[in-house]
């Protein structure tokens, strides 16, 4: 099943692009469940029993080797199979790839849900300051769990095993049979496992996520379904907390979590289009006004530029140890590209020169063959010529015409244009102009008998040379009574040339 994880996510995304908001919200919810359960190694019941207020987000202290701060999404699990009266936690961070990010998946699900339900749009500051009015609102509604109860724990565990994570770290991540240390002293935040499940499997243990550095402006943040209420509510609750000198911590942390998810939504929605452009036809992108706005289009351009010019932290480390190495590498790469361009241009020039030389030679040969054919035609017009010689001339005339036709066809194909291909049928080639105005046939009977090439041929041979007017050209057709052509000899050609 681990091998089909990508296909499962892609299928859920495709199913969420339905024809109605109901189908879209439901399948975005399913996609979030898959990604979060796998990243947190959780049972499905942990989500079905969870409330929105069970969520918290915060940034880990940034280490020296980390390029970007690491956001953690924490979900409290008050009930579950292994709780035994203890409170457990689901945790995940933003994935390296936006299509597998559980935090981004939650943000997309909640944005579409709030767009449809508008469940917080009419909330006042007093409502937010009264926990009982919102604290029990469920995270998920109507999610079937009978066959999916252990999906996340199975997939997440197997993924970590394939990544060769230590079994102790996996046990802590899954919270199986906790020891006394785990019960009372451990933070239960196996950061190494969390990093690997977010796609950071390098031994360098460096966290970097370029899309987190591109921040949307305040106007864009407030134009989303979630942003339309969360910032006003957060400012109001903070003001009340200042007036009353404390309190409202639950509402403040929850609203801050929603505000962070709102920013994540815009970042991942833009980044997803940069790495998976084919997902732009999704129902969410075509029906959420904020995603069709010019402001989001501009923001997506900033995100694309950041991703395109992303610098690996390993390169930055090499540059700090060996200053100038990256510059030399970039210069070498640029020189190779320039050399490749010169080679391509040289190849094109040689190809064009060969093509022109071939065309020139072909035209010269064609002119000479046409001159020879004109001479042969004049000889054929001479009715004093004996029949056997006349037949040889007709065969020579036809053969040269075929060569000329083939030459014209080759020229047309090399030009890539067959619109001017002459209409021709053989027997005969429409190549030579005729001074005659109307088609005519001039039958000619050989004065000699038994001129057939076969040894047993005894009958007289009648040769008809027809000139058929086609597009201003004459055509030598086959004899009315076909007679095999007499083979040419070098002596014949010499005599023809002498005539």
Foldseek 3Di string as FASTA:
>chain_A
DLVCLVVVLVVLLVQLQDDDLVRVLVSLVVSLLQLQLQLLLAFSVQQQQFALLQKFKDWDPDDPQAPDIWMKIKGWRCDDDPQPRHIDIGIATAAQALSRGSLLSLLLSVLSVCVVPVVCVPPDLVLLQDCVNGVNHHSDPDDDRPVRGRVNNVNNLVQVVVLVHDPVLNCLSNVPPDDPCSVPPDPSCSPVSNRVSSPPSDPVPYDDHQLVVQWADLVLLCLTSLNVPLVVNLVSNVVVCVVVVHGSPSSNRSSVSSSVSSRSNLSSVLSCCLVPVVSCSGNCCVPGVSNVDPSSVVSSVVSNVRVVPPDDSVVVVVCVVPPPPVVVVVVVVVVVVVVVVVVVVVVVVVVVVVVVVVVVVLVVVLVVLVVLLVLLVVVLVPLVDADLLNLQSLVVSQVSLVVNLVSVVVVCVVVVHCPPRDDDDPVWHFDAADPDDAWDKDWHFGPDFDSAPDPPGGGGDTAIFTFHQDPRGTITHAGPPHGDRDDDDPVSVVVSVVD
